[in-house]
Protein backbone atom coordinates (compact mmCIF):
# COMPACT_ATOMS: atom_id res chain seq x y z
CA UNK A 1 18.59 3.72 9.15
CA UNK A 2 18.47 7.23 7.84
CA UNK A 3 19.16 10.28 9.92
CA UNK A 4 16.33 12.83 9.82
CA UNK A 5 18.83 15.41 8.57
CA UNK A 6 18.31 13.74 5.15
CA UNK A 7 14.76 15.12 5.19
CA UNK A 8 13.69 18.58 4.12
CA UNK A 9 12.55 21.00 6.82
CA UNK A 10 8.83 20.30 6.33
CA UNK A 11 9.27 16.53 6.62
CA UNK A 12 11.52 16.93 9.68
CA UNK A 13 8.76 19.03 11.20
CA UNK A 14 6.10 16.32 10.89
CA UNK A 15 8.48 13.67 12.26
CA UNK A 16 9.21 15.95 15.24
CA UNK A 17 5.50 16.59 15.79
CA UNK A 18 4.74 12.86 15.63
CA UNK A 19 7.51 12.09 18.10
CA UNK A 20 6.24 14.78 20.47
CA UNK A 21 2.68 13.43 20.36
CA UNK A 22 3.91 9.94 21.20
CA UNK A 23 5.99 11.15 24.14
CA UNK A 24 3.50 13.70 25.46
CA UNK A 25 0.56 11.28 25.44
CA UNK A 26 2.44 8.15 26.46
CA UNK A 27 1.00 6.18 23.54
CA UNK A 28 2.62 3.50 21.36
CA UNK A 29 2.59 5.69 18.25
CA UNK A 30 2.50 9.34 17.31
CA UNK A 31 1.73 10.63 13.83
CA UNK A 32 1.45 13.82 11.85
CA UNK A 33 0.19 14.58 8.36
CA UNK A 34 0.57 17.69 6.21
CA UNK A 35 -2.33 18.65 3.95
CA UNK A 36 -2.34 20.35 0.56
CA UNK A 37 -2.26 23.80 2.15
CA UNK A 38 0.62 23.01 4.50
CA UNK A 39 -1.52 22.62 7.63
CA UNK A 40 -0.46 19.83 9.97
CA UNK A 41 -2.56 17.45 12.03
CA UNK A 42 -0.99 15.57 14.93
CA UNK A 43 -2.38 12.56 16.77
CA UNK A 44 -1.58 9.62 18.98
CA UNK A 45 -2.92 6.10 19.12
CA UNK A 46 -6.60 5.83 20.11
CA UNK A 47 -7.29 2.73 22.20
CA UNK A 48 -10.78 2.88 23.61
CA UNK A 49 -12.91 -0.15 24.27
CA UNK A 50 -15.26 0.86 21.44
CA UNK A 51 -12.75 2.55 19.09
CA UNK A 52 -9.23 1.58 18.09
CA UNK A 53 -7.25 3.67 15.61
CA UNK A 54 -3.56 3.88 14.91
CA UNK A 55 -1.97 7.28 15.31
CA UNK A 56 -1.72 7.72 11.55
CA UNK A 57 -5.36 6.76 10.99
CA UNK A 58 -6.33 9.30 13.66
CA UNK A 59 -4.22 12.06 12.06
CA UNK A 60 -5.78 11.36 8.65
CA UNK A 61 -9.26 11.42 10.21
CA UNK A 62 -8.47 14.77 11.85
CA UNK A 63 -7.35 16.17 8.49
CA UNK A 64 -10.53 14.98 6.78
CA UNK A 65 -12.71 16.32 9.60
CA UNK A 66 -10.97 19.70 9.24
CA UNK A 67 -11.68 19.92 5.51
CA UNK A 68 -8.40 18.71 3.98
CA UNK A 69 -8.84 17.41 0.46
CA UNK A 70 -5.36 15.91 -0.02
CA UNK A 71 -2.12 15.14 1.79
CA UNK A 72 1.44 16.13 0.93
CA UNK A 73 3.13 13.77 3.42
CA UNK A 74 2.61 11.63 6.50
CA UNK A 75 4.88 10.58 9.34
CA UNK A 76 4.54 8.03 12.11
CA UNK A 77 6.85 7.41 15.07
CA UNK A 78 6.64 3.84 16.28
CA UNK A 79 8.62 0.81 17.36
CA UNK A 80 7.38 -0.92 14.17
CA UNK A 81 9.79 -1.67 11.34
CA UNK A 82 7.40 -0.70 8.53
CA UNK A 83 4.16 1.26 8.21
CA UNK A 84 1.13 -1.01 8.40
CA UNK A 85 -1.01 -1.70 5.35
CA UNK A 86 -3.96 -0.05 7.12
CA UNK A 87 -1.93 3.12 7.77
CA UNK A 88 -0.77 3.29 4.16
CA UNK A 89 -4.36 2.76 2.98
CA UNK A 90 -5.64 5.66 5.10
CA UNK A 91 -2.96 7.96 3.68
CA UNK A 92 -3.65 6.70 0.14
CA UNK A 93 -7.41 7.34 0.52
CA UNK A 94 -6.81 11.04 1.13
CA UNK A 95 -3.44 11.73 -0.45
CA UNK A 96 -3.20 9.26 -3.30
CA UNK A 97 -0.73 6.44 -3.97
CA UNK A 98 2.35 8.66 -4.35
CA UNK A 99 2.03 10.35 -0.94
CA UNK A 100 5.23 9.76 1.06
CA UNK A 101 4.88 7.94 4.39
CA UNK A 102 7.82 8.36 6.76
CA UNK A 103 8.38 5.89 9.59
CA UNK A 104 10.73 6.94 12.37
CA UNK A 105 11.76 5.10 15.49
CA UNK A 106 11.06 6.42 18.99
CA UNK A 107 14.36 8.32 18.89
CA UNK A 108 13.21 10.18 15.76
CA UNK A 109 15.60 8.40 13.41
CA UNK A 110 14.01 7.75 10.04
CA UNK A 111 13.72 4.00 9.43
CA UNK A 112 11.93 3.93 6.11
CA UNK A 113 10.30 6.15 3.52
CA UNK A 114 7.62 4.52 1.38
CA UNK A 115 4.68 5.73 -0.67
CA UNK A 116 1.08 5.15 0.35
CA UNK A 117 0.75 3.21 -2.93
């Protein structure tokens, strides 16, 4: 495990935002992405009967819907041990294969940093 103090301020910010979304909404995951202009988009898991999206997929969709053309970084807070392939694909579609994806546990401790690749 990696303490979030190893992250720069902007990456710590999106981990904190993702953690807050998870806690505030009482959902399994919270996520945040930062676009090419530095704007952030925060989301939780969507679990409707007709629509199911992970928190990270929702955050990417929010960025796209708001006009973002690229991503600088993405973060998800979850009980999972690694980001899912579907989450990495969503980040890759907008940000490209080198976009960092941070996965933190519910306590905010960074578990893994991978690329969307």
